Amino acid sequence: MGVKTMKDTDNTIDLWDEPFCGTGALPVNQTEFSEQYEAGQQNVRARANHADSTLLQDQAKAYALKYASSVIKLGYVFKYLFCYTDVNGKPVYFKARYEHANFDNLPADEQEQIASKARANRHKWIRALSFNCHTRQWRLKEPDYTAAYPAGNGKKPLYRLVDMVQADTAQSVYIFEGEQKADYAASLGLVATTCGSSGSITTTHLEPLAGRSVVIWPDNDEAGIKARDEIAAALQAVGCSVLSIDIDALGLPEKGDIVDWVQQRTNNSQTTTKADIEALSLIKCQVISGSADSRKILSNTSGNIPKGHLCEPLYSGGNDARFEILPHGIFYIAKDQHDNERAHFICSPVLVIAKTRDTHGNAWGRLLQWHDDERRLHQWAMPMQLLQGDGSEVRRELADQGVTISPERKSRDLLTTYLNGYPSDTFALCVDRLGWHGLRYVMPQHTYGEQQGQLTVFQQNSVMAASFYPLGSLADWQQQISQPCGNHSRLVFALACAFAGQLLEPLNEQGGGFHIRGDSSSGKSTALKLAGSVWGDPEQVIRQWRATSNALEGIAALHNDNFLGLDEIGQCNAKDIGDTVYMLSNGQGKARMQRTGITRPVSQWRVMFLSNGEESLAAIMQQTGKRTNAGQEIRLADIPADAGHGLGIFDPLSTDQPPAAYAEQLKQASASNHGTAGIAWLEYLTSNKAAVTEQAQVYIQQFMQDYASSKNGQVQRVARRFAIVAAAGELATLAGITAWQQGRAIEAIGQCFNAWLNGFGDGANLESRNILAEVKAFFEAHGSSRFENMQPPVMNDGSDMLQRIINRVGYYRQDDNSRAYLVYPEQFKSEICKGRDDKQVIKILKAAGWLILGDGGRNQKKETLPDGSRPRMYVFNNRMWEWDNEASAELSKSSGTGGTSGTDQQPQGLQPVPVQKAVVGQSGTGEISLVMSQSVPAVKTAVGQHKSLDNKGLSQVSQLSHCNNDELNSQIKNSRRAVL
């Protein structure tokens, strides 16, 4: 056997020619060892003045053999020499590993004697080996990392660092316990490394993994799970998306690892490939948030922990009575009447990590941590006030989250004593609101951003439901969800909307919502679920409109500074929906009194919410006889689900799949790939909040310039909300989260904005149009029934015809070509202006020219009534019959939106003609004025709305619109409704 030559890409220096074969020991011939050692020494002396990488590798081989001579005599066999390098492949230090071939077969006393003499960890003897370039000497210790590895700032490099640097950042990095396991995984094509044991996590330079997707394969024992959790906490602190192999599903023996799993497959005549490992089931790593300093809290070590205990005992009750926190439970140890110690089981292990309080020194609590029976980590900042009763609320919450609690009353009382009395010198800041807190962003189970010297946690009376948890990798989410959605404007909008909530606070913007409206099976629910996949399982993240207003208030508070998805607006209480929209957008709940008479703190939030349903807000409110205010409609911008291609929410598909099948494929993908994009987004935002906010302003300004040229205040307000969504989409793209092309979010959301604008209009204020429509509707409904004719028809006998007017509001005066309505002032306020400010209504009516003013421009005019009285009345002329709400909106839309062309832009080919006014005919209600500022189809539409046009009027319109009389006749017969 000869010494292997290490290749530049091989980190493992194996002195034997046999390949890696799992955990079996390799035989060693001591004569052969001596020959190798001497050959190595000759090689070292021949090149003693060179300190390049090749020489270091050769020297390491020789000195690894030299330093192991004493342990070889004890039966240890040289197995591996592992090389740790910097990003350029230059060796930083080496690690030699020897194993005792027959250790487990020796008697226990002999095992202890051999391990003690070798200073080994039972059958393993592992030592670091480093070369000091200044003294030109080898040492059996780790180097000074500040000098040997400057990039690490005093920390050691990761194993196989060159592989990670050279690999595609979208490829997951697998972390194992041990170099040989990482080498085996790498031989299959995976990017693999190791962080060593749990005690070495804080001394390892993890920054090269920042932002990467990481999968941990822990050993199947308690120490392995502990190491996994600590590694996951450290990796999340540098922005990694962390998952773990579900080792419970592999059927491994105690302490089993990848080697044992491969051996099981080999025994079953199965080969193992990279794809086999990538197909393994993954679970979430649920770890307590915090910086490297805060992770010291989690280990709960002070140096006084008895062997086998999780933390120090709590003495309580005298006579050495104490609580012992052991891996299998918390026990109360007390002496009986015979002075014998008895252990009383209380519950499975629950650790008191820190004391919590708010910034004012109130709301004290305890930060608790525990594992359930499936080894999932749980955390709860428990308010101390819950212990001031019988503690049942605390026990219910702990039991619901996997803590096993003794049913005995004594045990329950002792649990309260333990939680109330366990000491901690560590303090954490608690907050009762999720979202932004300065430069930190607080989520239920994790806080992102600089911790500023102390851990920050979310504290409430119950454990937060596990909604915002990741599954899968960011790369898979991009490939299966984000990238396919990039071709469809509605889906781009939905995903970008999911990122937008976090920008509201930095931009100092108010929250608001969007409503995707469409027929059944148009894909609107798919869009909402895909948006939910940004943050977690869509089935849990997306909430229902079917809830009370109080419930929605609580839901909104839990989504502060975040995204809220609400499914099926048709299930909401139609009586409350208008107020609920105001509440969600304004970000403030109801003020409530406590029993003491003191007002409770009012819930507050900022949220970007996305709704869907088959009907609009206005249609739902109309079911109960209510009307929408402009404030409600602009707070919930209505976007048609149909993108204009007959495919529902989809733009033209690049696949032969039917839209329904394609939508189902995306929904299935979101069920197994979710939550990773939200984590990456929060890490990006908190990395430099000020710079991100500045860039968001740039994108918002760009969107407003491109799409929001209207000077209408309501349009500008909604346009800015669309702009925030566009900015979120562009920033997520800039952060490498969406995998879209830069500029795609602005383009797609611009199309959605234009679709909203097509339905809203851009000229007259929406509130003004609604008021005019309501006033006109009143006269249409009651023009004869509630108005008395001032010139009643004459009977044959010369007497006036008797008029029966019920609930009269005024009179009408009929001239040859028009009719004027006279309305009593009080009836005007109570009937026509019902539910509105009469001063606002008068202002709008005057602006529209519907009122005949009195002397001096008074709003009311003195009129002589049939009984001879001369009261002041509101007098309406016939101009209301010339006005049409839909036509007004359509005319306003064509004035230009400033956007780029797209599917949802104004229809092409309708070129405006010069503005002029013409009398197009006469009817029983007066002449009809038509502003010729539209295309020929618009003229046809306006004409079609007046059924009483005579041939003379039709001829005039034909001349004005440059089309023939027959064509307009056909138009009127086929359709008399306005369709632009």
Foldseek 3Di string as FASTA:
>chain_A
DAFDQDDLQDQKGWRDPDDDQFPADDDDDVVVLVVRLVVLVVVCVVPVPDDFQRSVVSNCVNVLSVVCPVLVVLQWAWGIKGFADALVSRTLKIKTKTFRNCQVVDDPVSQVVSCVVLVAPRGMDMWIWGADPVVRDIDRHHDQCCVSPVVQVRAGEWGSNNLLVPDDQAAEEEEEADDVVQVVLVVQPHHYTYQHFLVRLLRYRPLSNQQGEYEYWFFQEPRRLVSLLSNVQANLQRHYQYKYFLVVVQPADHRDTPSRSQVVCVVVVHHDHNVNVVPTFIGFRQYFADHPVLVVLVQQDDPPPPPQFSYRWAQPDDPRFTWTHGQAAIWTWDADPVRDIDTHGFKHGKDFRAWEDAPVRDQIFTWIWDAAPSRHIFIAGAGLVCLPPLNPLVVVQVVVVHMGGDPDSVSSNVVSVCRVDDDDPAYAYEDQFAQDDDLWGAAQRYIAFDRVPHHYHYHDNHRDDPFQTFFDALSLCQVQALVQLLQFLLLLLLQLLQLLLLLCVVLVHFAFEEEAAADPPLLPVLSNLSNSQAGGQSVRQAAELQDDLVVVLVVLRNQASGEYEYEAVLNHDLVCVQVSRVCSRRFWDDWDADPVRDIDDIRGGGYYYYYYHHDDNQVSNVVVPDGHALVSCLRYQYFYQQLQPPQGRGDDDPDPDRSSVSSVSNSVSSNRGGNNNNSLSSNVCSVCVVVLSVQLVVQLVVLCQQFAPFPDPSLVSSSSVLSSSLSSSQVSVVSVRSPHDRPSSSQSSSLRSLSSLLVQFRDDDSNLLVLLVLLLVVCVVCVPQQAAEQQADADPVRHGDDDDHDNHQYYWYADQFAIKTWGDPVCCCCPSQNPHDSVVSLVSCVVLVFWDADPPRHQWHFDQGNVRDTDTTTMGILCSVQDDSSLNRNVRLVVDRNHDDDSSHPDPDKQFDDWDWDFLAGDSHHTHIDTRGTALLQLLQSVLQDPGGDPRSLVVSCVVRVHDSVVSVVSNVVDSHDDD
